[in-house]
Amino acid sequence: MSLQKSYSADIHLELNKEFWQDLEIFCVAECCGIDAFDFSKEVIQETISYYDKEEIITNLDILIEEIQSSKFKDASSSIFNAYLRKEAFLKIIKEIKQNILN
């Protein structure tokens, strides 16, 4: 029996996996982790046009709320190949959401 040590964001990120994969342009997450993704405003604005923007925002809102209320100090994602402090993970997700909205 394994003990969960972090909040796993993948339950919500998996819902829009293709969107996240389209942002994985610098490398692959398996190699470079979250640095493989381009979360710049320009790339996000271009990429989001192919997806259901409202669905992604809703999923990010739920993810943000769940991470904030989580008892864990850390958050992780196999999609991003990332294990970060909860605050750092939240900062990234909130910046992504802002780049989608603008």
PDB file of N, CA and C in Angstrom:
ATOM      1  N   MET A   1       0.838  -1.180   0.000  1.00  0.00           N
ATOM      2  CA  MET A   1       0.000   0.000   0.000  1.00  0.00           C
ATOM      3  C   MET A   1       0.880   1.240   0.000  1.00  0.00           C
ATOM      4  N   SER A   2       0.719   2.093  -1.006  1.00  0.00           N
ATOM      5  CA  SER A   2       1.534   3.305  -1.077  1.00  0.00           C
ATOM      6  C   SER A   2       0.781   4.477  -0.458  1.00  0.00           C
ATOM      7  N   LEU A   3       1.529   5.346   0.150  1.00  0.00           N
ATOM      8  CA  LEU A   3       0.953   6.538   0.744  1.00  0.00           C
ATOM      9  C   LEU A   3       1.086   7.690  -0.224  1.00  0.00           C
ATOM     10  N   GLN A   4       0.004   8.395  -0.442  1.00  0.00           N
ATOM     11  CA  GLN A   4       0.036   9.552  -1.330  1.00  0.00           C
ATOM     12  C   GLN A   4       0.726  10.689  -0.596  1.00  0.00           C
ATOM     13  N   LYS A   5       1.735  11.277  -1.238  1.00  0.00           N
ATOM     14  CA  LYS A   5       2.527  12.331  -0.612  1.00  0.00           C
ATOM     15  C   LYS A   5       2.233  13.707  -1.185  1.00  0.00           C
ATOM     16  N   SER A   6       1.449  13.752  -2.248  1.00  0.00           N
ATOM     17  CA  SER A   6       1.142  15.038  -2.877  1.00  0.00           C
ATOM     18  C   SER A   6      -0.246  14.981  -3.498  1.00  0.00           C
ATOM     19  N   TYR A   7      -0.780  16.157  -3.763  1.00  0.00           N
ATOM     20  CA  TYR A   7      -2.043  16.236  -4.484  1.00  0.00           C
ATOM     21  C   TYR A   7      -1.748  15.981  -5.953  1.00  0.00           C
ATOM     22  N   SER A   8      -2.410  15.012  -6.550  1.00  0.00           N
ATOM     23  CA  SER A   8      -2.208  14.723  -7.968  1.00  0.00           C
ATOM     24  C   SER A   8      -3.199  15.515  -8.807  1.00  0.00           C
ATOM     25  N   ALA A   9      -2.673  16.389  -9.633  1.00  0.00           N
ATOM     26  CA  ALA A   9      -3.498  17.249 -10.485  1.00  0.00           C
ATOM     27  C   ALA A   9      -4.014  16.528 -11.725  1.00  0.00           C
ATOM     28  N   ASP A  10      -3.537  15.345 -11.977  1.00  0.00           N
ATOM     29  CA  ASP A  10      -3.846  14.664 -13.232  1.00  0.00           C
ATOM     30  C   ASP A  10      -5.319  14.341 -13.417  1.00  0.00           C
ATOM     31  N   ILE A  11      -6.068  14.159 -12.357  1.00  0.00           N
ATOM     32  CA  ILE A  11      -7.489  13.855 -12.506  1.00  0.00           C
ATOM     33  C   ILE A  11      -8.199  14.952 -13.305  1.00  0.00           C
ATOM     34  N   HIS A  12      -7.748  16.188 -13.155  1.00  0.00           N
ATOM     35  CA  HIS A  12      -8.348  17.300 -13.888  1.00  0.00           C
ATOM     36  C   HIS A  12      -7.602  17.603 -15.184  1.00  0.00           C
ATOM     37  N   LEU A  13      -6.305  17.467 -15.178  1.00  0.00           N
ATOM     38  CA  LEU A  13      -5.523  17.730 -16.390  1.00  0.00           C
ATOM     39  C   LEU A  13      -5.816  16.705 -17.484  1.00  0.00           C
ATOM     40  N   GLU A  14      -6.086  15.470 -17.096  1.00  0.00           N
ATOM     41  CA  GLU A  14      -6.399  14.404 -18.061  1.00  0.00           C
ATOM     42  C   GLU A  14      -7.634  14.734 -18.900  1.00  0.00           C
ATOM     43  N   LEU A  15      -8.542  15.528 -18.341  1.00  0.00           N
ATOM     44  CA  LEU A  15      -9.771  15.871 -19.055  1.00  0.00           C
ATOM     45  C   LEU A  15      -9.504  16.686 -20.324  1.00  0.00           C
ATOM     46  N   ASN A  16      -8.359  17.337 -20.370  1.00  0.00           N
ATOM     47  CA  ASN A  16      -7.975  18.145 -21.534  1.00  0.00           C
ATOM     48  C   ASN A  16      -6.561  17.792 -21.968  1.00  0.00           C
ATOM     49  N   LYS A  17      -6.257  16.522 -21.943  1.00  0.00           N
ATOM     50  CA  LYS A  17      -4.895  16.045 -22.193  1.00  0.00           C
ATOM     51  C   LYS A  17      -4.345  16.500 -23.546  1.00  0.00           C
ATOM     52  N   GLU A  18      -5.180  16.514 -24.562  1.00  0.00           N
ATOM     53  CA  GLU A  18      -4.709  16.913 -25.887  1.00  0.00           C
ATOM     54  C   GLU A  18      -4.253  18.370 -25.904  1.00  0.00           C
ATOM     55  N   PHE A  19      -4.971  19.220 -25.183  1.00  0.00           N
ATOM     56  CA  PHE A  19      -4.574  20.623 -25.067  1.00  0.00           C
ATOM     57  C   PHE A  19      -3.177  20.726 -24.452  1.00  0.00           C
ATOM     58  N   TRP A  20      -2.958  20.014 -23.356  1.00  0.00           N
ATOM     59  CA  TRP A  20      -1.649  20.071 -22.683  1.00  0.00           C
ATOM     60  C   TRP A  20      -0.558  19.504 -23.590  1.00  0.00           C
ATOM     61  N   GLN A  21      -0.863  18.453 -24.303  1.00  0.00           N
ATOM     62  CA  GLN A  21       0.131  17.866 -25.215  1.00  0.00           C
ATOM     63  C   GLN A  21       0.505  18.833 -26.328  1.00  0.00           C
ATOM     64  N   ASP A  22      -0.443  19.637 -26.772  1.00  0.00           N
ATOM     65  CA  ASP A  22      -0.152  20.620 -27.816  1.00  0.00           C
ATOM     66  C   ASP A  22       0.748  21.752 -27.315  1.00  0.00           C
ATOM     67  N   LEU A  23       0.815  21.932 -26.008  1.00  0.00           N
ATOM     68  CA  LEU A  23       1.703  22.949 -25.427  1.00  0.00           C
ATOM     69  C   LEU A  23       3.086  22.391 -25.114  1.00  0.00           C
ATOM     70  N   GLU A  24       3.266  21.110 -25.294  1.00  0.00           N
ATOM     71  CA  GLU A  24       4.527  20.419 -25.024  1.00  0.00           C
ATOM     72  C   GLU A  24       5.416  20.522 -26.268  1.00  0.00           C
ATOM     73  N   ILE A  25       6.082  21.683 -26.434  1.00  0.00           N
ATOM     74  CA  ILE A  25       6.773  21.946 -27.693  1.00  0.00           C
ATOM     75  C   ILE A  25       8.287  22.100 -27.572  1.00  0.00           C
ATOM     76  N   PHE A  26       8.800  22.335 -26.383  1.00  0.00           N
ATOM     77  CA  PHE A  26      10.245  22.519 -26.226  1.00  0.00           C
ATOM     78  C   PHE A  26      10.995  21.197 -26.126  1.00  0.00           C
ATOM     79  N   CYS A  27      10.331  20.187 -25.631  1.00  0.00           N
ATOM     80  CA  CYS A  27      10.920  18.868 -25.419  1.00  0.00           C
ATOM     81  C   CYS A  27       9.749  17.945 -25.100  1.00  0.00           C
ATOM     82  N   VAL A  28       9.995  16.853 -24.429  1.00  0.00           N
ATOM     83  CA  VAL A  28       8.917  15.998 -23.937  1.00  0.00           C
ATOM     84  C   VAL A  28       8.965  16.018 -22.416  1.00  0.00           C
ATOM     85  N   ALA A  29       7.805  15.927 -21.808  1.00  0.00           N
ATOM     86  CA  ALA A  29       7.719  16.014 -20.350  1.00  0.00           C
ATOM     87  C   ALA A  29       8.546  14.925 -19.661  1.00  0.00           C
ATOM     88  N   GLU A  30       8.636  13.760 -20.286  1.00  0.00           N
ATOM     89  CA  GLU A  30       9.406  12.667 -19.699  1.00  0.00           C
ATOM     90  C   GLU A  30      10.883  13.039 -19.539  1.00  0.00           C
ATOM     91  N   CYS A  31      11.354  13.933 -20.359  1.00  0.00           N
ATOM     92  CA  CYS A  31      12.752  14.363 -20.318  1.00  0.00           C
ATOM     93  C   CYS A  31      12.921  15.645 -19.505  1.00  0.00           C
ATOM     94  N   CYS A  32      12.181  16.659 -19.860  1.00  0.00           N
ATOM     95  CA  CYS A  32      12.393  18.004 -19.306  1.00  0.00           C
ATOM     96  C   CYS A  32      11.343  18.447 -18.294  1.00  0.00           C
ATOM     97  N   GLY A  33      10.395  17.583 -18.008  1.00  0.00           N
ATOM     98  CA  GLY A  33       9.365  17.952 -17.048  1.00  0.00           C
ATOM     99  C   GLY A  33       8.537  19.122 -17.541  1.00  0.00           C
ATOM    100  N   ILE A  34       8.159  19.973 -16.627  1.00  0.00           N
ATOM    101  CA  ILE A  34       7.283  21.101 -16.947  1.00  0.00           C
ATOM    102  C   ILE A  34       7.958  22.099 -17.882  1.00  0.00           C
ATOM    103  N   ASP A  35       9.277  22.078 -17.949  1.00  0.00           N
ATOM    104  CA  ASP A  35      10.008  22.965 -18.859  1.00  0.00           C
ATOM    105  C   ASP A  35       9.814  22.589 -20.328  1.00  0.00           C
ATOM    106  N   ALA A  36       9.220  21.438 -20.585  1.00  0.00           N
ATOM    107  CA  ALA A  36       8.952  21.025 -21.965  1.00  0.00           C
ATOM    108  C   ALA A  36       7.779  21.801 -22.565  1.00  0.00           C
ATOM    109  N   PHE A  37       7.006  22.481 -21.721  1.00  0.00           N
ATOM    110  CA  PHE A  37       5.793  23.160 -22.151  1.00  0.00           C
ATOM    111  C   PHE A  37       6.022  24.646 -22.384  1.00  0.00           C
ATOM    112  N   ASP A  38       5.296  25.166 -23.352  1.00  0.00           N
ATOM    113  CA  ASP A  38       5.306  26.607 -23.599  1.00  0.00           C
ATOM    114  C   ASP A  38       3.973  27.161 -23.111  1.00  0.00           C
ATOM    115  N   PHE A  39       4.003  27.821 -21.960  1.00  0.00           N
ATOM    116  CA  PHE A  39       2.806  28.402 -21.370  1.00  0.00           C
ATOM    117  C   PHE A  39       2.716  29.897 -21.639  1.00  0.00           C
ATOM    118  N   SER A  40       3.439  30.358 -22.649  1.00  0.00           N
ATOM    119  CA  SER A  40       3.394  31.783 -22.973  1.00  0.00           C
ATOM    120  C   SER A  40       1.998  32.162 -23.474  1.00  0.00           C
ATOM    121  N   LYS A  41       1.671  33.409 -23.284  1.00  0.00           N
ATOM    122  CA  LYS A  41       0.354  33.920 -23.684  1.00  0.00           C
ATOM    123  C   LYS A  41       0.101  33.663 -25.171  1.00  0.00           C
ATOM    124  N   GLU A  42       1.085  33.925 -26.003  1.00  0.00           N
ATOM    125  CA  GLU A  42       0.922  33.781 -27.454  1.00  0.00           C
ATOM    126  C   GLU A  42       0.614  32.338 -27.847  1.00  0.00           C
ATOM    127  N   VAL A  43       1.355  31.405 -27.304  1.00  0.00           N
ATOM    128  CA  VAL A  43       1.155  29.996 -27.657  1.00  0.00           C
ATOM    129  C   VAL A  43      -0.166  29.485 -27.089  1.00  0.00           C
ATOM    130  N   ILE A  44      -0.479  29.863 -25.872  1.00  0.00           N
ATOM    131  CA  ILE A  44      -1.749  29.441 -25.279  1.00  0.00           C
ATOM    132  C   ILE A  44      -2.921  30.001 -26.075  1.00  0.00           C
ATOM    133  N   GLN A  45      -2.863  31.283 -26.458  1.00  0.00           N
ATOM    134  CA  GLN A  45      -3.956  31.885 -27.223  1.00  0.00           C
ATOM    135  C   GLN A  45      -4.143  31.194 -28.570  1.00  0.00           C
ATOM    136  N   GLU A  46      -3.064  30.843 -29.207  1.00  0.00           N
ATOM    137  CA  GLU A  46      -3.154  30.143 -30.485  1.00  0.00           C
ATOM    138  C   GLU A  46      -3.713  28.729 -30.295  1.00  0.00           C
ATOM    139  N   THR A  47      -3.231  28.033 -29.295  1.00  0.00           N
ATOM    140  CA  THR A  47      -3.617  26.642 -29.072  1.00  0.00           C
ATOM    141  C   THR A  47      -5.055  26.512 -28.587  1.00  0.00           C
ATOM    142  N   ILE A  48      -5.486  27.396 -27.698  1.00  0.00           N
ATOM    143  CA  ILE A  48      -6.821  27.291 -27.112  1.00  0.00           C
ATOM    144  C   ILE A  48      -7.919  27.425 -28.157  1.00  0.00           C
ATOM    145  N   SER A  49      -7.617  28.050 -29.280  1.00  0.00           N
ATOM    146  CA  SER A  49      -8.637  28.237 -30.319  1.00  0.00           C
ATOM    147  C   SER A  49      -9.126  26.907 -30.904  1.00  0.00           C
ATOM    148  N   TYR A  50      -8.384  25.833 -30.695  1.00  0.00           N
ATOM    149  CA  TYR A  50      -8.761  24.518 -31.207  1.00  0.00           C
ATOM    150  C   TYR A  50      -9.541  23.688 -30.186  1.00  0.00           C
ATOM    151  N   TYR A  51      -9.753  24.262 -29.011  1.00  0.00           N
ATOM    152  CA  TYR A  51     -10.362  23.510 -27.915  1.00  0.00           C
ATOM    153  C   TYR A  51     -11.528  24.276 -27.301  1.00  0.00           C
ATOM    154  N   ASP A  52     -12.226  23.605 -26.399  1.00  0.00           N
ATOM    155  CA  ASP A  52     -13.336  24.215 -25.683  1.00  0.00           C
ATOM    156  C   ASP A  52     -12.760  25.032 -24.519  1.00  0.00           C
ATOM    157  N   LYS A  53     -12.609  26.307 -24.755  1.00  0.00           N
ATOM    158  CA  LYS A  53     -11.990  27.224 -23.795  1.00  0.00           C
ATOM    159  C   LYS A  53     -12.701  27.188 -22.446  1.00  0.00           C
ATOM    160  N   GLU A  54     -14.020  27.235 -22.465  1.00  0.00           N
ATOM    161  CA  GLU A  54     -14.792  27.259 -21.214  1.00  0.00           C
ATOM    162  C   GLU A  54     -14.597  25.978 -20.411  1.00  0.00           C
ATOM    163  N   GLU A  55     -14.519  24.857 -21.091  1.00  0.00           N
ATOM    164  CA  GLU A  55     -14.296  23.579 -20.403  1.00  0.00           C
ATOM    165  C   GLU A  55     -12.932  23.575 -19.714  1.00  0.00           C
ATOM    166  N   ILE A  56     -11.930  24.045 -20.405  1.00  0.00           N
ATOM    167  CA  ILE A  56     -10.580  24.073 -19.830  1.00  0.00           C
ATOM    168  C   ILE A  56     -10.533  25.021 -18.638  1.00  0.00           C
ATOM    169  N   ILE A  57     -11.151  26.183 -18.756  1.00  0.00           N
ATOM    170  CA  ILE A  57     -11.183  27.136 -17.641  1.00  0.00           C
ATOM    171  C   ILE A  57     -11.919  26.533 -16.443  1.00  0.00           C
ATOM    172  N   THR A  58     -13.034  25.891 -16.690  1.00  0.00           N
ATOM    173  CA  THR A  58     -13.781  25.248 -15.612  1.00  0.00           C
ATOM    174  C   THR A  58     -12.929  24.199 -14.910  1.00  0.00           C
ATOM    175  N   ASN A  59     -12.243  23.366 -15.692  1.00  0.00           N
ATOM    176  CA  ASN A  59     -11.385  22.335 -15.108  1.00  0.00           C
ATOM    177  C   ASN A  59     -10.236  22.952 -14.315  1.00  0.00           C
ATOM    178  N   LEU A  60      -9.682  24.056 -14.808  1.00  0.00           N
ATOM    179  CA  LEU A  60      -8.615  24.739 -14.066  1.00  0.00           C
ATOM    180  C   LEU A  60      -9.148  25.356 -12.779  1.00  0.00           C
ATOM    181  N   ASP A  61     -10.351  25.924 -12.820  1.00  0.00           N
ATOM    182  CA  ASP A  61     -10.955  26.488 -11.604  1.00  0.00           C
ATOM    183  C   ASP A  61     -11.142  25.414 -10.536  1.00  0.00           C
ATOM    184  N   ILE A  62     -11.634  24.270 -10.936  1.00  0.00           N
ATOM    185  CA  ILE A  62     -11.826  23.160  -9.994  1.00  0.00           C
ATOM    186  C   ILE A  62     -10.477  22.699  -9.456  1.00  0.00           C
ATOM    187  N   LEU A  63      -9.494  22.590 -10.344  1.00  0.00           N
ATOM    188  CA  LEU A  63      -8.151  22.179  -9.932  1.00  0.00           C
ATOM    189  C   LEU A  63      -7.564  23.160  -8.923  1.00  0.00           C
ATOM    190  N   ILE A  64      -7.673  24.441  -9.197  1.00  0.00           N
ATOM    191  CA  ILE A  64      -7.156  25.467  -8.287  1.00  0.00           C
ATOM    192  C   ILE A  64      -7.817  25.340  -6.917  1.00  0.00           C
ATOM    193  N   GLU A  65      -9.125  25.206  -6.915  1.00  0.00           N
ATOM    194  CA  GLU A  65      -9.865  25.091  -5.657  1.00  0.00           C
ATOM    195  C   GLU A  65      -9.432  23.850  -4.868  1.00  0.00           C
ATOM    196  N   GLU A  66      -9.285  22.737  -5.557  1.00  0.00           N
ATOM    197  CA  GLU A  66      -8.906  21.503  -4.876  1.00  0.00           C
ATOM    198  C   GLU A  66      -7.472  21.542  -4.348  1.00  0.00           C
ATOM    199  N   ILE A  67      -6.569  22.119  -5.110  1.00  0.00           N
ATOM    200  CA  ILE A  67      -5.187  22.234  -4.629  1.00  0.00           C
ATOM    201  C   ILE A  67      -5.141  23.136  -3.404  1.00  0.00           C
ATOM    202  N   GLN A  68      -5.853  24.263  -3.459  1.00  0.00           N
ATOM    203  CA  GLN A  68      -5.855  25.197  -2.338  1.00  0.00           C
ATOM    204  C   GLN A  68      -6.395  24.555  -1.066  1.00  0.00           C
ATOM    205  N   SER A  69      -7.394  23.715  -1.197  1.00  0.00           N
ATOM    206  CA  SER A  69      -7.986  23.091  -0.019  1.00  0.00           C
ATOM    207  C   SER A  69      -7.317  21.774   0.372  1.00  0.00           C
ATOM    208  N   SER A  70      -6.358  21.347  -0.412  1.00  0.00           N
ATOM    209  CA  SER A  70      -5.666  20.087  -0.152  1.00  0.00           C
ATOM    210  C   SER A  70      -4.845  20.157   1.134  1.00  0.00           C
ATOM    211  N   LYS A  71      -4.762  19.038   1.821  1.00  0.00           N
ATOM    212  CA  LYS A  71      -3.962  18.934   3.038  1.00  0.00           C
ATOM    213  C   LYS A  71      -2.470  18.746   2.719  1.00  0.00           C
ATOM    214  N   PHE A  72      -2.178  18.471   1.455  1.00  0.00           N
ATOM    215  CA  PHE A  72      -0.799  18.204   1.060  1.00  0.00           C
ATOM    216  C   PHE A  72       0.006  19.487   0.881  1.00  0.00           C
ATOM    217  N   LYS A  73       1.293  19.411   1.120  1.00  0.00           N
ATOM    218  CA  LYS A  73       2.198  20.549   0.926  1.00  0.00           C
ATOM    219  C   LYS A  73       2.640  20.656  -0.533  1.00  0.00           C
ATOM    220  N   ASP A  74       2.542  19.541  -1.237  1.00  0.00           N
ATOM    221  CA  ASP A  74       3.028  19.466  -2.609  1.00  0.00           C
ATOM    222  C   ASP A  74       1.909  19.076  -3.566  1.00  0.00           C
ATOM    223  N   ALA A  75       2.129  19.389  -4.841  1.00  0.00           N
ATOM    224  CA  ALA A  75       1.220  18.976  -5.907  1.00  0.00           C
ATOM    225  C   ALA A  75       2.060  18.345  -7.009  1.00  0.00           C
ATOM    226  N   SER A  76       1.475  17.397  -7.706  1.00  0.00           N
ATOM    227  CA  SER A  76       2.236  16.695  -8.737  1.00  0.00           C
ATOM    228  C   SER A  76       1.362  16.443  -9.958  1.00  0.00           C
ATOM    229  N   SER A  77       2.045  16.142 -11.055  1.00  0.00           N
ATOM    230  CA  SER A  77       1.366  15.790 -12.289  1.00  0.00           C
ATOM    231  C   SER A  77       2.280  14.915 -13.132  1.00  0.00           C
ATOM    232  N   SER A  78       1.767  13.767 -13.553  1.00  0.00           N
ATOM    233  CA  SER A  78       2.551  12.941 -14.471  1.00  0.00           C
ATOM    234  C   SER A  78       2.515  13.531 -15.879  1.00  0.00           C
ATOM    235  N   ILE A  79       1.454  14.265 -16.206  1.00  0.00           N
ATOM    236  CA  ILE A  79       1.375  14.916 -17.518  1.00  0.00           C
ATOM    237  C   ILE A  79       2.491  15.939 -17.655  1.00  0.00           C
ATOM    238  N   PHE A  80       2.706  16.729 -16.601  1.00  0.00           N
ATOM    239  CA  PHE A  80       3.776  17.730 -16.604  1.00  0.00           C
ATOM    240  C   PHE A  80       5.108  17.164 -16.133  1.00  0.00           C
ATOM    241  N   ASN A  81       5.100  15.923 -15.634  1.00  0.00           N
ATOM    242  CA  ASN A  81       6.280  15.322 -15.024  1.00  0.00           C
ATOM    243  C   ASN A  81       6.856  16.294 -13.990  1.00  0.00           C
ATOM    244  N   ALA A  82       5.968  16.719 -13.076  1.00  0.00           N
ATOM    245  CA  ALA A  82       6.338  17.749 -12.106  1.00  0.00           C
ATOM    246  C   ALA A  82       5.880  17.365 -10.708  1.00  0.00           C
ATOM    247  N   TYR A  83       6.719  17.703  -9.751  1.00  0.00           N
ATOM    248  CA  TYR A  83       6.419  17.546  -8.330  1.00  0.00           C
ATOM    249  C   TYR A  83       6.895  18.831  -7.673  1.00  0.00           C
ATOM    250  N   LEU A  84       5.942  19.683  -7.288  1.00  0.00           N
ATOM    251  CA  LEU A  84       6.271  21.018  -6.807  1.00  0.00           C
ATOM    252  C   LEU A  84       5.554  21.323  -5.508  1.00  0.00           C
ATOM    253  N   ARG A  85       6.046  22.324  -4.812  1.00  0.00           N
ATOM    254  CA  ARG A  85       5.321  22.852  -3.665  1.00  0.00           C
ATOM    255  C   ARG A  85       3.954  23.319  -4.170  1.00  0.00           C
ATOM    256  N   LYS A  86       2.967  23.162  -3.349  1.00  0.00           N
ATOM    257  CA  LYS A  86       1.598  23.496  -3.726  1.00  0.00           C
ATOM    258  C   LYS A  86       1.502  24.933  -4.241  1.00  0.00           C
ATOM    259  N   GLU A  87       2.162  25.865  -3.573  1.00  0.00           N
ATOM    260  CA  GLU A  87       2.099  27.274  -3.970  1.00  0.00           C
ATOM    261  C   GLU A  87       2.708  27.499  -5.352  1.00  0.00           C
ATOM    262  N   ALA A  88       3.812  26.817  -5.645  1.00  0.00           N
ATOM    263  CA  ALA A  88       4.461  26.948  -6.952  1.00  0.00           C
ATOM    264  C   ALA A  88       3.583  26.364  -8.056  1.00  0.00           C
ATOM    265  N   PHE A  89       2.971  25.230  -7.786  1.00  0.00           N
ATOM    266  CA  PHE A  89       2.084  24.603  -8.755  1.00  0.00           C
ATOM    267  C   PHE A  89       0.884  25.507  -9.024  1.00  0.00           C
ATOM    268  N   LEU A  90       0.301  26.056  -7.957  1.00  0.00           N
ATOM    269  CA  LEU A  90      -0.833  26.967  -8.103  1.00  0.00           C
ATOM    270  C   LEU A  90      -0.470  28.190  -8.924  1.00  0.00           C
ATOM    271  N   LYS A  91       0.700  28.723  -8.703  1.00  0.00           N
ATOM    272  CA  LYS A  91       1.144  29.904  -9.452  1.00  0.00           C
ATOM    273  C   LYS A  91       1.171  29.609 -10.955  1.00  0.00           C
ATOM    274  N   ILE A  92       1.692  28.468 -11.322  1.00  0.00           N
ATOM    275  CA  ILE A  92       1.761  28.078 -12.736  1.00  0.00           C
ATOM    276  C   ILE A  92       0.356  27.923 -13.317  1.00  0.00           C
ATOM    277  N   ILE A  93      -0.509  27.221 -12.600  1.00  0.00           N
ATOM    278  CA  ILE A  93      -1.870  26.987 -13.091  1.00  0.00           C
ATOM    279  C   ILE A  93      -2.630  28.303 -13.226  1.00  0.00           C
ATOM    280  N   LYS A  94      -2.467  29.195 -12.266  1.00  0.00           N
ATOM    281  CA  LYS A  94      -3.148  30.493 -12.323  1.00  0.00           C
ATOM    282  C   LYS A  94      -2.622  31.340 -13.481  1.00  0.00           C
ATOM    283  N   GLU A  95      -1.333  31.266 -13.755  1.00  0.00           N
ATOM    284  CA  GLU A  95      -0.762  32.005 -14.893  1.00  0.00           C
ATOM    285  C   GLU A  95      -1.289  31.450 -16.210  1.00  0.00           C
ATOM    286  N   ILE A  96      -1.396  30.135 -16.296  1.00  0.00           N
ATOM    287  CA  ILE A  96      -1.959  29.512 -17.495  1.00  0.00           C
ATOM    288  C   ILE A  96      -3.398  29.977 -17.698  1.00  0.00           C
ATOM    289  N   LYS A  97      -4.176  29.948 -16.637  1.00  0.00           N
ATOM    290  CA  LYS A  97      -5.574  30.390 -16.721  1.00  0.00           C
ATOM    291  C   LYS A  97      -5.633  31.838 -17.180  1.00  0.00           C
ATOM    292  N   GLN A  98      -4.801  32.681 -16.626  1.00  0.00           N
ATOM    293  CA  GLN A  98      -4.787  34.101 -17.013  1.00  0.00           C
ATOM    294  C   GLN A  98      -4.439  34.256 -18.492  1.00  0.00           C
ATOM    295  N   ASN A  99      -3.500  33.465 -18.974  1.00  0.00           N
ATOM    296  CA  ASN A  99      -3.122  33.525 -20.382  1.00  0.00           C
ATOM    297  C   ASN A  99      -4.237  33.012 -21.296  1.00  0.00           C
ATOM    298  N   ILE A 100      -5.065  32.124 -20.796  1.00  0.00           N
ATOM    299  CA  ILE A 100      -6.218  31.677 -21.570  1.00  0.00           C
ATOM    300  C   ILE A 100      -7.260  32.796 -21.643  1.00  0.00           C
ATOM    301  N   LEU A 101      -7.462  33.475 -20.533  1.00  0.00           N
ATOM    302  CA  LEU A 101      -8.496  34.507 -20.448  1.00  0.00           C
ATOM    303  C   LEU A 101      -8.148  35.776 -21.223  1.00  0.00           C
ATOM    304  N   ASN A 102      -6.884  36.087 -21.341  1.00  0.00           N
ATOM    305  CA  ASN A 102      -6.464  37.340 -22.001  1.00  0.00           C
ATOM    306  C   ASN A 102      -6.304  37.173 -23.481  1.00  0.00           C
TER     307      ASN A 102
END
